[in-house]
Amino acid sequence: MPPGAGGTQIEQILIQLRSRQIAEEQVETYSRQERAAAKERELREAEARAKQQTLLTESEISINVQSNQGKADFARAQQQAAQIQTLAAAEAERHA
């Protein structure tokens, strides 16, 4: 082995080891980024579902309120119709 050749081999081995270590770190970094992206996607989906659930609940409440208002309006109309019929009957009796 020529003088200094051993040092060159050791340097080559160290360079290869560093390259392997860097490659392993890059693979681990990519894997962590991939997991983080998946978790972020899950979070966004959960937030979207929660927002839609709120809208659905508000919509159901609005429908119930409108239904109740419709029933109340109908009951008032029936009362007014009954009053008109009673007044008309009384007026007819008075003229008869």
Protein backbone atom coordinates (compact mmCIF):
# COMPACT_ATOMS: atom_id res chain seq x y z
CA MET A 1 0.00 0.00 0.00
CA PRO A 2 1.54 3.33 -0.99
CA PRO A 3 1.96 5.92 1.74
CA GLY A 4 -1.17 7.95 2.25
CA ALA A 5 -3.35 5.38 0.42
CA GLY A 6 -4.78 4.14 3.74
CA GLY A 7 -5.86 7.66 4.61
CA THR A 8 -7.63 8.01 1.29
CA GLN A 9 -9.53 4.75 1.84
CA ILE A 10 -10.60 5.84 5.31
CA GLU A 11 -11.78 9.17 3.88
CA GLN A 12 -13.77 7.32 1.21
CA ILE A 13 -15.35 5.06 3.83
CA LEU A 14 -16.24 8.09 5.99
CA ILE A 15 -17.75 9.84 2.97
CA GLN A 16 -19.84 6.74 2.19
CA LEU A 17 -20.97 6.47 5.81
CA ARG A 18 -21.95 10.15 5.85
CA SER A 19 -23.83 9.70 2.57
CA ARG A 20 -25.70 6.71 3.98
CA GLN A 21 -26.53 8.60 7.16
CA ILE A 22 -27.81 11.56 5.13
CA ALA A 23 -29.91 9.23 2.94
CA GLU A 24 -31.40 7.54 6.02
CA GLU A 25 -32.18 10.94 7.56
CA GLN A 26 -33.84 12.06 4.33
CA VAL A 27 -35.97 8.90 4.26
CA GLU A 28 -37.00 9.47 7.89
CA THR A 29 -37.73 13.14 7.21
CA TYR A 30 -39.88 12.23 4.20
CA SER A 31 -41.73 9.62 6.26
CA ARG A 32 -42.44 12.14 9.03
CA GLN A 33 -43.60 14.74 6.50
CA GLU A 34 -45.90 12.17 4.94
CA ARG A 35 -47.42 11.29 8.34
CA ALA A 36 -47.80 14.98 9.20
CA ALA A 37 -49.56 15.63 5.88
CA ALA A 38 -51.94 12.73 6.53
CA LYS A 39 -52.73 14.07 10.03
CA GLU A 40 -53.28 17.56 8.64
CA ARG A 41 -55.66 16.15 6.03
CA GLU A 42 -57.58 14.29 8.78
CA LEU A 43 -57.78 17.50 10.80
CA ARG A 44 -59.11 19.49 7.82
CA GLU A 45 -61.72 16.81 7.15
CA ALA A 46 -62.81 16.83 10.80
CA GLU A 47 -63.05 20.63 10.76
CA ALA A 48 -65.11 20.53 7.56
CA ARG A 49 -67.45 17.89 9.05
CA ALA A 50 -67.86 19.96 12.22
CA LYS A 51 -68.65 23.08 10.20
CA GLN A 52 -71.20 21.23 8.10
CA GLN A 53 -72.74 19.72 11.23
CA THR A 54 -73.22 23.21 12.64
CA LEU A 55 -74.92 24.33 9.42
CA LEU A 56 -77.12 21.23 9.43
CA THR A 57 -78.16 21.84 13.03
CA GLU A 58 -78.92 25.51 12.33
CA SER A 59 -80.94 24.49 9.28
CA GLU A 60 -82.99 21.96 11.28
CA ILE A 61 -83.70 24.55 13.96
CA SER A 62 -84.74 27.08 11.32
CA ILE A 63 -87.12 24.52 9.77
CA ASN A 64 -88.69 23.83 13.17
CA VAL A 65 -89.10 27.54 13.89
CA GLN A 66 -90.73 28.15 10.50
CA SER A 67 -92.99 25.15 11.01
CA ASN A 68 -94.08 26.46 14.40
CA GLN A 69 -94.69 29.93 12.93
CA GLY A 70 -96.76 28.35 10.16
CA LYS A 71 -98.85 26.42 12.67
CA ALA A 72 -99.39 29.58 14.73
CA ASP A 73 -100.39 31.55 11.62
CA PHE A 74 -102.83 28.78 10.65
CA ALA A 75 -104.39 28.76 14.13
CA ARG A 76 -104.82 32.57 14.01
CA ALA A 77 -106.42 32.32 10.57
CA GLN A 78 -108.84 29.68 11.87
CA GLN A 79 -109.77 31.91 14.80
CA GLN A 80 -110.32 34.88 12.49
CA ALA A 81 -112.46 32.73 10.17
CA ALA A 82 -114.53 31.56 13.13
CA GLN A 83 -115.01 35.17 14.28
CA ILE A 84 -116.06 36.24 10.79
CA GLN A 85 -118.54 33.35 10.58
CA THR A 86 -119.96 34.22 13.99
CA LEU A 87 -120.30 37.90 13.08
CA ALA A 88 -121.87 37.01 9.73
CA ALA A 89 -124.34 34.67 11.42
CA ALA A 90 -125.24 37.35 13.99
CA GLU A 91 -125.65 39.95 11.25
CA ALA A 92 -127.86 37.55 9.26
CA GLU A 93 -130.05 36.92 12.30
CA ARG A 94 -130.39 40.62 12.94
CA HIS A 95 -131.60 41.25 9.39
CA ALA A 96 -133.88 38.25 9.34
